[in-house]
Amino acid sequence: SDTAPGSAFAADLSCYYQNYLNIGQRECQLGLGLN
């Protein structure tokens, strides 16, 4: 009762955005993310 293993449950929520944009003559890939 004084000391014992512990356990927990958890969840993650995430989103991700990916698109292409032109910088000069180069087509670059932009990424944005949240977790």
Full PDB file with SEQRES, HELIX, SHEET, SSBOND, CRYST1, ORIGX, SCALE, CONECT and MASTER records, all heavy atoms in Angstrom:
SEQRES   1 A   35  SER ASP THR ALA PRO GLY SER ALA PHE ALA ALA ASP LEU          
SEQRES   2 A   35  SER CYS TYR TYR GLN ASN TYR LEU ASN ILE GLY GLN ARG          
SEQRES   3 A   35  GLU CYS GLN LEU GLY LEU GLY LEU ASN                          
SHEET    1 AA1 2 CYS A  15  ILE A  23  0                                        
SHEET    2 AA1 2 ARG A  26  LEU A  34 -1                                        
CRYST1    1.000    1.000    1.000  90.00  90.00  90.00 P 1           1          
ORIGX1      1.000000  0.000000  0.000000        0.00000                         
ORIGX2      0.000000  1.000000  0.000000        0.00000                         
ORIGX3      0.000000  0.000000  1.000000        0.00000                         
SCALE1      1.000000  0.000000  0.000000        0.00000                         
SCALE2      0.000000  1.000000  0.000000        0.00000                         
SCALE3      0.000000  0.000000  1.000000        0.00000                         
ATOM      1  N   SER A   1       0.822  -1.208   0.000  1.00  0.00           N  
ATOM      2  CA  SER A   1       0.000   0.000   0.000  1.00  0.00           C  
ATOM      3  C   SER A   1       0.855   1.257   0.000  1.00  0.00           C  
ATOM      4  O   SER A   1       0.383   2.339  -0.345  1.00  0.00           O  
ATOM      5  CB  SER A   1      -0.925   0.006   1.225  1.00  0.00           C  
ATOM      6  OG  SER A   1      -0.148  -0.057   2.425  1.00  0.00           O  
ATOM      7  N   ASP A   2       2.137   1.123   0.417  1.00  0.00           N  
ATOM      8  CA  ASP A   2       3.014   2.286   0.472  1.00  0.00           C  
ATOM      9  C   ASP A   2       3.606   2.635  -0.890  1.00  0.00           C  
ATOM     10  O   ASP A   2       3.860   3.792  -1.191  1.00  0.00           O  
ATOM     11  CB  ASP A   2       4.149   2.047   1.465  1.00  0.00           C  
ATOM     12  CG  ASP A   2       3.646   1.990   2.895  1.00  0.00           C  
ATOM     13  OD1 ASP A   2       2.627   2.644   3.180  1.00  0.00           O  
ATOM     14  OD2 ASP A   2       4.248   1.274   3.723  1.00  0.00           O  
ATOM     15  N   THR A   3       3.867   1.641  -1.695  1.00  0.00           N  
ATOM     16  CA  THR A   3       4.466   1.886  -3.000  1.00  0.00           C  
ATOM     17  C   THR A   3       4.058   0.780  -3.963  1.00  0.00           C  
ATOM     18  O   THR A   3       4.118  -0.406  -3.625  1.00  0.00           O  
ATOM     19  CB  THR A   3       6.002   1.963  -2.892  1.00  0.00           C  
ATOM     20  OG1 THR A   3       6.555   2.082  -4.193  1.00  0.00           O  
ATOM     21  CG2 THR A   3       6.580   0.752  -2.190  1.00  0.00           C  
ATOM     22  N   ALA A   4       3.645   1.165  -5.141  1.00  0.00           N  
ATOM     23  CA  ALA A   4       3.164   0.206  -6.123  1.00  0.00           C  
ATOM     24  C   ALA A   4       3.368   0.773  -7.519  1.00  0.00           C  
ATOM     25  O   ALA A   4       3.532   1.990  -7.681  1.00  0.00           O  
ATOM     26  CB  ALA A   4       1.677  -0.098  -5.884  1.00  0.00           C  
ATOM     27  N   PRO A   5       3.401  -0.070  -8.541  1.00  0.00           N  
ATOM     28  CA  PRO A   5       3.493   0.435  -9.907  1.00  0.00           C  
ATOM     29  C   PRO A   5       2.298   1.326 -10.239  1.00  0.00           C  
ATOM     30  O   PRO A   5       1.209   1.160  -9.687  1.00  0.00           O  
ATOM     31  CB  PRO A   5       3.494  -0.839 -10.758  1.00  0.00           C  
ATOM     32  CG  PRO A   5       3.910  -1.920  -9.835  1.00  0.00           C  
ATOM     33  CD  PRO A   5       3.389  -1.544  -8.491  1.00  0.00           C  
ATOM     34  N   GLY A   6       2.506   2.255 -11.136  1.00  0.00           N  
ATOM     35  CA  GLY A   6       1.437   3.149 -11.559  1.00  0.00           C  
ATOM     36  C   GLY A   6       1.130   2.975 -13.027  1.00  0.00           C  
ATOM     37  O   GLY A   6       1.986   2.569 -13.823  1.00  0.00           O  
ATOM     38  N   SER A   7      -0.095   3.276 -13.411  1.00  0.00           N  
ATOM     39  CA  SER A   7      -0.489   3.211 -14.815  1.00  0.00           C  
ATOM     40  C   SER A   7      -1.441   4.354 -15.126  1.00  0.00           C  
ATOM     41  O   SER A   7      -2.102   4.894 -14.227  1.00  0.00           O  
ATOM     42  CB  SER A   7      -1.151   1.868 -15.145  1.00  0.00           C  
ATOM     43  OG  SER A   7      -2.348   1.699 -14.415  1.00  0.00           O  
ATOM     44  N   ALA A   8      -1.494   4.713 -16.383  1.00  0.00           N  
ATOM     45  CA  ALA A   8      -2.356   5.807 -16.817  1.00  0.00           C  
ATOM     46  C   ALA A   8      -2.756   5.585 -18.266  1.00  0.00           C  
ATOM     47  O   ALA A   8      -2.085   4.855 -19.011  1.00  0.00           O  
ATOM     48  CB  ALA A   8      -1.643   7.152 -16.660  1.00  0.00           C  
ATOM     49  N   PHE A   9      -3.839   6.219 -18.661  1.00  0.00           N  
ATOM     50  CA  PHE A   9      -4.291   6.213 -20.045  1.00  0.00           C  
ATOM     51  C   PHE A   9      -4.280   7.647 -20.564  1.00  0.00           C  
ATOM     52  O   PHE A   9      -4.584   8.594 -19.834  1.00  0.00           O  
ATOM     53  CB  PHE A   9      -5.691   5.612 -20.167  1.00  0.00           C  
ATOM     54  CG  PHE A   9      -5.737   4.131 -19.939  1.00  0.00           C  
ATOM     55  CD1 PHE A   9      -5.979   3.609 -18.678  1.00  0.00           C  
ATOM     56  CD2 PHE A   9      -5.523   3.254 -20.994  1.00  0.00           C  
ATOM     57  CE1 PHE A   9      -6.018   2.244 -18.455  1.00  0.00           C  
ATOM     58  CE2 PHE A   9      -5.553   1.885 -20.788  1.00  0.00           C  
ATOM     59  CZ  PHE A   9      -5.800   1.386 -19.524  1.00  0.00           C  
ATOM     60  N   ALA A  10      -3.919   7.785 -21.827  1.00  0.00           N  
ATOM     61  CA  ALA A  10      -3.818   9.121 -22.411  1.00  0.00           C  
ATOM     62  C   ALA A  10      -4.189   9.078 -23.884  1.00  0.00           C  
ATOM     63  O   ALA A  10      -4.281   8.004 -24.494  1.00  0.00           O  
ATOM     64  CB  ALA A  10      -2.406   9.678 -22.233  1.00  0.00           C  
ATOM     65  N   ALA A  11      -4.382  10.258 -24.454  1.00  0.00           N  
ATOM     66  CA  ALA A  11      -4.724  10.384 -25.870  1.00  0.00           C  
ATOM     67  C   ALA A  11      -3.921  11.524 -26.489  1.00  0.00           C  
ATOM     68  O   ALA A  11      -3.516  12.465 -25.795  1.00  0.00           O  
ATOM     69  CB  ALA A  11      -6.222  10.633 -26.049  1.00  0.00           C  
ATOM     70  N   ASP A  12      -3.674  11.416 -27.791  1.00  0.00           N  
ATOM     71  CA  ASP A  12      -3.023  12.473 -28.564  1.00  0.00           C  
ATOM     72  C   ASP A  12      -3.990  12.989 -29.620  1.00  0.00           C  
ATOM     73  O   ASP A  12      -4.732  12.201 -30.224  1.00  0.00           O  
ATOM     74  CB  ASP A  12      -1.764  11.966 -29.273  1.00  0.00           C  
ATOM     75  CG  ASP A  12      -0.712  11.443 -28.319  1.00  0.00           C  
ATOM     76  OD1 ASP A  12      -0.900  11.578 -27.096  1.00  0.00           O  
ATOM     77  OD2 ASP A  12       0.291  10.890 -28.812  1.00  0.00           O  
ATOM     78  N   LEU A  13      -3.955  14.280 -29.881  1.00  0.00           N  
ATOM     79  CA  LEU A  13      -4.712  14.894 -30.965  1.00  0.00           C  
ATOM     80  C   LEU A  13      -3.736  15.691 -31.814  1.00  0.00           C  
ATOM     81  O   LEU A  13      -2.951  16.489 -31.283  1.00  0.00           O  
ATOM     82  CB  LEU A  13      -5.813  15.815 -30.416  1.00  0.00           C  
ATOM     83  CG  LEU A  13      -6.904  15.143 -29.575  1.00  0.00           C  
ATOM     84  CD1 LEU A  13      -7.852  16.199 -29.007  1.00  0.00           C  
ATOM     85  CD2 LEU A  13      -7.673  14.124 -30.402  1.00  0.00           C  
ATOM     86  N   SER A  14      -3.773  15.485 -33.126  1.00  0.00           N  
ATOM     87  CA  SER A  14      -2.779  16.120 -33.983  1.00  0.00           C  
ATOM     88  C   SER A  14      -3.382  16.514 -35.320  1.00  0.00           C  
ATOM     89  O   SER A  14      -4.420  15.987 -35.741  1.00  0.00           O  
ATOM     90  CB  SER A  14      -1.589  15.172 -34.208  1.00  0.00           C  
ATOM     91  OG  SER A  14      -2.023  13.960 -34.803  1.00  0.00           O  
ATOM     92  N   CYS A  15      -2.711  17.448 -35.992  1.00  0.00           N  
ATOM     93  CA  CYS A  15      -3.088  17.844 -37.346  1.00  0.00           C  
ATOM     94  C   CYS A  15      -1.825  18.204 -38.122  1.00  0.00           C  
ATOM     95  O   CYS A  15      -0.788  18.540 -37.535  1.00  0.00           O  
ATOM     96  CB  CYS A  15      -4.087  19.003 -37.333  1.00  0.00           C  
ATOM     97  SG  CYS A  15      -3.470  20.522 -36.570  1.00  0.00           S  
ATOM     98  N   TYR A  16      -1.945  18.124 -39.440  1.00  0.00           N  
ATOM     99  CA  TYR A  16      -0.780  18.362 -40.306  1.00  0.00           C  
ATOM    100  C   TYR A  16      -1.252  18.986 -41.611  1.00  0.00           C  
ATOM    101  O   TYR A  16      -2.264  18.567 -42.191  1.00  0.00           O  
ATOM    102  CB  TYR A  16      -0.056  17.051 -40.587  1.00  0.00           C  
ATOM    103  CG  TYR A  16       1.135  17.165 -41.505  1.00  0.00           C  
ATOM    104  CD1 TYR A  16       2.257  17.905 -41.141  1.00  0.00           C  
ATOM    105  CD2 TYR A  16       1.152  16.521 -42.739  1.00  0.00           C  
ATOM    106  CE1 TYR A  16       3.355  18.002 -41.986  1.00  0.00           C  
ATOM    107  CE2 TYR A  16       2.251  16.599 -43.584  1.00  0.00           C  
ATOM    108  CZ  TYR A  16       3.354  17.345 -43.200  1.00  0.00           C  
ATOM    109  OH  TYR A  16       4.437  17.434 -44.035  1.00  0.00           O  
ATOM    110  N   TYR A  17      -0.515  19.997 -42.048  1.00  0.00           N  
ATOM    111  CA  TYR A  17      -0.825  20.685 -43.301  1.00  0.00           C  
ATOM    112  C   TYR A  17       0.414  20.669 -44.183  1.00  0.00           C  
ATOM    113  O   TYR A  17       1.517  20.986 -43.729  1.00  0.00           O  
ATOM    114  CB  TYR A  17      -1.253  22.124 -43.028  1.00  0.00           C  
ATOM    115  CG  TYR A  17      -1.464  22.960 -44.268  1.00  0.00           C  
ATOM    116  CD1 TYR A  17      -2.655  22.887 -44.999  1.00  0.00           C  
ATOM    117  CD2 TYR A  17      -0.469  23.819 -44.719  1.00  0.00           C  
ATOM    118  CE1 TYR A  17      -2.852  23.651 -46.135  1.00  0.00           C  
ATOM    119  CE2 TYR A  17      -0.648  24.590 -45.863  1.00  0.00           C  
ATOM    120  CZ  TYR A  17      -1.843  24.503 -46.563  1.00  0.00           C  
ATOM    121  OH  TYR A  17      -2.024  25.255 -47.711  1.00  0.00           O  
ATOM    122  N   GLN A  18       0.230  20.306 -45.434  1.00  0.00           N  
ATOM    123  CA  GLN A  18       1.341  20.250 -46.390  1.00  0.00           C  
ATOM    124  C   GLN A  18       0.900  20.857 -47.714  1.00  0.00           C  
ATOM    125  O   GLN A  18      -0.166  20.516 -48.240  1.00  0.00           O  
ATOM    126  CB  GLN A  18       1.785  18.803 -46.602  1.00  0.00           C  
ATOM    127  CG  GLN A  18       3.009  18.644 -47.509  1.00  0.00           C  
ATOM    128  CD  GLN A  18       3.337  17.187 -47.778  1.00  0.00           C  
ATOM    129  OE1 GLN A  18       2.935  16.625 -48.793  1.00  0.00           O  
ATOM    130  NE2 GLN A  18       4.066  16.561 -46.858  1.00  0.00           N  
ATOM    131  N   ASN A  19       1.705  21.755 -48.251  1.00  0.00           N  
ATOM    132  CA  ASN A  19       1.373  22.390 -49.523  1.00  0.00           C  
ATOM    133  C   ASN A  19       2.658  22.829 -50.210  1.00  0.00           C  
ATOM    134  O   ASN A  19       3.736  22.821 -49.611  1.00  0.00           O  
ATOM    135  CB  ASN A  19       0.461  23.603 -49.288  1.00  0.00           C  
ATOM    136  CG  ASN A  19      -0.401  23.907 -50.502  1.00  0.00           C  
ATOM    137  OD1 ASN A  19      -0.175  23.358 -51.589  1.00  0.00           O  
ATOM    138  ND2 ASN A  19      -1.394  24.771 -50.328  1.00  0.00           N  
ATOM    139  N   TYR A  20       2.522  23.201 -51.460  1.00  0.00           N  
ATOM    140  CA  TYR A  20       3.671  23.639 -52.247  1.00  0.00           C  
ATOM    141  C   TYR A  20       3.523  25.109 -52.587  1.00  0.00           C  
ATOM    142  O   TYR A  20       2.421  25.600 -52.855  1.00  0.00           O  
ATOM    143  CB  TYR A  20       3.795  22.806 -53.526  1.00  0.00           C  
ATOM    144  CG  TYR A  20       4.164  21.364 -53.256  1.00  0.00           C  
ATOM    145  CD1 TYR A  20       3.175  20.412 -53.032  1.00  0.00           C  
ATOM    146  CD2 TYR A  20       5.497  20.969 -53.192  1.00  0.00           C  
ATOM    147  CE1 TYR A  20       3.507  19.091 -52.764  1.00  0.00           C  
ATOM    148  CE2 TYR A  20       5.841  19.654 -52.926  1.00  0.00           C  
ATOM    149  CZ  TYR A  20       4.844  18.722 -52.712  1.00  0.00           C  
ATOM    150  OH  TYR A  20       5.166  17.411 -52.440  1.00  0.00           O  
ATOM    151  N   LEU A  21       4.636  25.826 -52.554  1.00  0.00           N  
ATOM    152  CA  LEU A  21       4.642  27.232 -52.903  1.00  0.00           C  
ATOM    153  C   LEU A  21       5.906  27.533 -53.691  1.00  0.00           C  
ATOM    154  O   LEU A  21       6.942  26.867 -53.517  1.00  0.00           O  
ATOM    155  CB  LEU A  21       4.552  28.113 -51.669  1.00  0.00           C  
ATOM    156  CG  LEU A  21       5.722  28.120 -50.676  1.00  0.00           C  
ATOM    157  CD1 LEU A  21       5.672  29.385 -49.830  1.00  0.00           C  
ATOM    158  CD2 LEU A  21       5.685  26.907 -49.770  1.00  0.00           C  
ATOM    159  N   ASN A  22       5.817  28.513 -54.541  1.00  0.00           N  
ATOM    160  CA  ASN A  22       6.935  28.895 -55.385  1.00  0.00           C  
ATOM    161  C   ASN A  22       7.743  30.005 -54.731  1.00  0.00           C  
ATOM    162  O   ASN A  22       7.195  31.037 -54.332  1.00  0.00           O  
ATOM    163  CB  ASN A  22       6.444  29.371 -56.764  1.00  0.00           C  
ATOM    164  CG  ASN A  22       5.827  28.235 -57.564  1.00  0.00           C  
ATOM    165  OD1 ASN A  22       6.316  27.110 -57.552  1.00  0.00           O  
ATOM    166  ND2 ASN A  22       4.735  28.533 -58.265  1.00  0.00           N  
ATOM    167  N   ILE A  23       9.030  29.753 -54.570  1.00  0.00           N  
ATOM    168  CA  ILE A  23       9.971  30.750 -54.077  1.00  0.00           C  
ATOM    169  C   ILE A  23      10.999  30.951 -55.184  1.00  0.00           C  
ATOM    170  O   ILE A  23      11.855  30.096 -55.418  1.00  0.00           O  
ATOM    171  CB  ILE A  23      10.639  30.317 -52.769  1.00  0.00           C  
ATOM    172  CG1 ILE A  23       9.593  30.090 -51.677  1.00  0.00           C  
ATOM    173  CG2 ILE A  23      11.656  31.360 -52.323  1.00  0.00           C  
ATOM    174  CD1 ILE A  23      10.164  29.630 -50.353  1.00  0.00           C  
ATOM    175  N   GLY A  24      10.887  32.075 -55.865  1.00  0.00           N  
ATOM    176  CA  GLY A  24      11.700  32.260 -57.059  1.00  0.00           C  
ATOM    177  C   GLY A  24      11.256  31.271 -58.124  1.00  0.00           C  
ATOM    178  O   GLY A  24      10.070  31.177 -58.462  1.00  0.00           O  
ATOM    179  N   GLN A  25      12.184  30.496 -58.632  1.00  0.00           N  
ATOM    180  CA  GLN A  25      11.864  29.488 -59.634  1.00  0.00           C  
ATOM    181  C   GLN A  25      11.808  28.081 -59.042  1.00  0.00           C  
ATOM    182  O   GLN A  25      11.738  27.106 -59.775  1.00  0.00           O  
ATOM    183  CB  GLN A  25      12.910  29.533 -60.760  1.00  0.00           C  
ATOM    184  CG  GLN A  25      12.929  30.850 -61.525  1.00  0.00           C  
ATOM    185  CD  GLN A  25      13.961  30.848 -62.641  1.00  0.00           C  
ATOM    186  OE1 GLN A  25      14.850  30.003 -62.681  1.00  0.00           O  
ATOM    187  NE2 GLN A  25      13.832  31.807 -63.558  1.00  0.00           N  
ATOM    188  N   ARG A  26      11.777  27.993 -57.741  1.00  0.00           N  
ATOM    189  CA  ARG A  26      11.774  26.681 -57.080  1.00  0.00           C  
ATOM    190  C   ARG A  26      10.414  26.407 -56.450  1.00  0.00           C  
ATOM    191  O   ARG A  26       9.813  27.272 -55.810  1.00  0.00           O  
ATOM    192  CB  ARG A  26      12.868  26.620 -56.012  1.00  0.00           C  
ATOM    193  CG  ARG A  26      14.251  26.949 -56.537  1.00  0.00           C  
ATOM    194  CD  ARG A  26      15.285  26.840 -55.437  1.00  0.00           C  
ATOM    195  NE  ARG A  26      16.580  27.346 -55.864  1.00  0.00           N  
ATOM    196  CZ  ARG A  26      17.462  26.661 -56.577  1.00  0.00           C  
ATOM    197  NH1 ARG A  26      17.168  25.415 -56.944  1.00  0.00           N  
ATOM    198  NH2 ARG A  26      18.606  27.189 -56.934  1.00  0.00           N  
ATOM    199  N   GLU A  27       9.941  25.181 -56.635  1.00  0.00           N  
ATOM    200  CA  GLU A  27       8.700  24.758 -56.001  1.00  0.00           C  
ATOM    201  C   GLU A  27       9.052  24.108 -54.662  1.00  0.00           C  
ATOM    202  O   GLU A  27       9.566  22.997 -54.610  1.00  0.00           O  
ATOM    203  CB  GLU A  27       7.935  23.774 -56.888  1.00  0.00           C  
ATOM    204  CG  GLU A  27       6.568  23.426 -56.332  1.00  0.00           C  
ATOM    205  CD  GLU A  27       5.798  22.469 -57.225  1.00  0.00           C  
ATOM    206  OE1 GLU A  27       6.409  21.466 -57.678  1.00  0.00           O  
ATOM    207  OE2 GLU A  27       4.600  22.705 -57.468  1.00  0.00           O  
ATOM    208  N   CYS A  28       8.763  24.809 -53.591  1.00  0.00           N  
ATOM    209  CA  CYS A  28       9.143  24.368 -52.249  1.00  0.00           C  
ATOM    210  C   CYS A  28       7.947  23.741 -51.533  1.00  0.00           C  
ATOM    211  O   CYS A  28       6.792  24.032 -51.838  1.00  0.00           O  
ATOM    212  CB  CYS A  28       9.676  25.546 -51.441  1.00  0.00           C  
ATOM    213  SG  CYS A  28      11.059  26.409 -52.222  1.00  0.00           S  
ATOM    214  N   GLN A  29       8.249  22.893 -50.573  1.00  0.00           N  
ATOM    215  CA  GLN A  29       7.201  22.218 -49.801  1.00  0.00           C  
ATOM    216  C   GLN A  29       7.128  22.808 -48.404  1.00  0.00           C  
ATOM    217  O   GLN A  29       8.106  22.809 -47.662  1.00  0.00           O  
ATOM    218  CB  GLN A  29       7.481  20.718 -49.725  1.00  0.00           C  
ATOM    219  CG  GLN A  29       6.469  19.947 -48.876  1.00  0.00           C  
ATOM    220  CD  GLN A  29       6.813  18.479 -48.780  1.00  0.00           C  
ATOM    221  OE1 GLN A  29       6.778  17.750 -49.769  1.00  0.00           O  
ATOM    222  NE2 GLN A  29       7.158  18.043 -47.576  1.00  0.00           N  
ATOM    223  N   LEU A  30       5.941  23.295 -48.045  1.00  0.00           N  
ATOM    224  CA  LEU A  30       5.704  23.868 -46.722  1.00  0.00           C  
ATOM    225  C   LEU A  30       4.940  22.871 -45.858  1.00  0.00           C  
ATOM    226  O   LEU A  30       3.974  22.254 -46.303  1.00  0.00           O  
ATOM    227  CB  LEU A  30       4.901  25.161 -46.842  1.00  0.00           C  
ATOM    228  CG  LEU A  30       4.413  25.794 -45.531  1.00  0.00           C  
ATOM    229  CD1 LEU A  30       5.604  26.334 -44.728  1.00  0.00           C  
ATOM    230  CD2 LEU A  30       3.403  26.900 -45.806  1.00  0.00           C  
ATOM    231  N   GLY A  31       5.379  22.700 -44.628  1.00  0.00           N  
ATOM    232  CA  GLY A  31       4.686  21.829 -43.691  1.00  0.00           C  
ATOM    233  C   GLY A  31       4.393  22.547 -42.383  1.00  0.00           C  
ATOM    234  O   GLY A  31       5.245  23.280 -41.878  1.00  0.00           O  
ATOM    235  N   LEU A  32       3.185  22.358 -41.860  1.00  0.00           N  
ATOM    236  CA  LEU A  32       2.796  22.898 -40.560  1.00  0.00           C  
ATOM    237  C   LEU A  32       2.179  21.772 -39.743  1.00  0.00           C  
ATOM    238  O   LEU A  32       1.378  20.989 -40.268  1.00  0.00           O  
ATOM    239  CB  LEU A  32       1.784  24.045 -40.712  1.00  0.00           C  
ATOM    240  CG  LEU A  32       2.218  25.261 -41.534  1.00  0.00           C  
ATOM    241  CD1 LEU A  32       1.042  26.210 -41.728  1.00  0.00           C  
ATOM    242  CD2 LEU A  32       3.378  25.983 -40.851  1.00  0.00           C  
ATOM    243  N   GLY A  33       2.539  21.677 -38.480  1.00  0.00           N  
ATOM    244  CA  GLY A  33       2.026  20.580 -37.664  1.00  0.00           C  
ATOM    245  C   GLY A  33       1.753  20.981 -36.231  1.00  0.00           C  
ATOM    246  O   GLY A  33       2.407  21.875 -35.678  1.00  0.00           O  
ATOM    247  N   LEU A  34       0.764  20.312 -35.629  1.00  0.00           N  
ATOM    248  CA  LEU A  34       0.418  20.524 -34.233  1.00  0.00           C  
ATOM    249  C   LEU A  34       0.103  19.176 -33.607  1.00  0.00           C  
ATOM    250  O   LEU A  34      -0.654  18.383 -34.173  1.00  0.00           O  
ATOM    251  CB  LEU A  34      -0.796  21.448 -34.099  1.00  0.00           C  
ATOM    252  CG  LEU A  34      -1.407  21.590 -32.701  1.00  0.00           C  
ATOM    253  CD1 LEU A  34      -0.436  22.302 -31.757  1.00  0.00           C  
ATOM    254  CD2 LEU A  34      -2.739  22.336 -32.754  1.00  0.00           C  
ATOM    255  N   ASN A  35       0.688  18.910 -32.449  1.00  0.00           N  
ATOM    256  CA  ASN A  35       0.419  17.666 -31.735  1.00  0.00           C  
ATOM    257  C   ASN A  35       0.284  17.954 -30.244  1.00  0.00           C  
ATOM    258  O   ASN A  35       1.208  18.478 -29.617  1.00  0.00           O  
ATOM    259  CB  ASN A  35       1.549  16.653 -31.967  1.00  0.00           C  
ATOM    260  CG  ASN A  35       1.242  15.301 -31.336  1.00  0.00           C  
ATOM    261  OD1 ASN A  35       0.078  14.942 -31.155  1.00  0.00           O  
ATOM    262  ND2 ASN A  35       2.273  14.547 -30.993  1.00  0.00           N  
TER     263      ASN A  35                                                      
MASTER        0    0    0    0    2    0    0    6  262    1    0    3          
END                                                                             
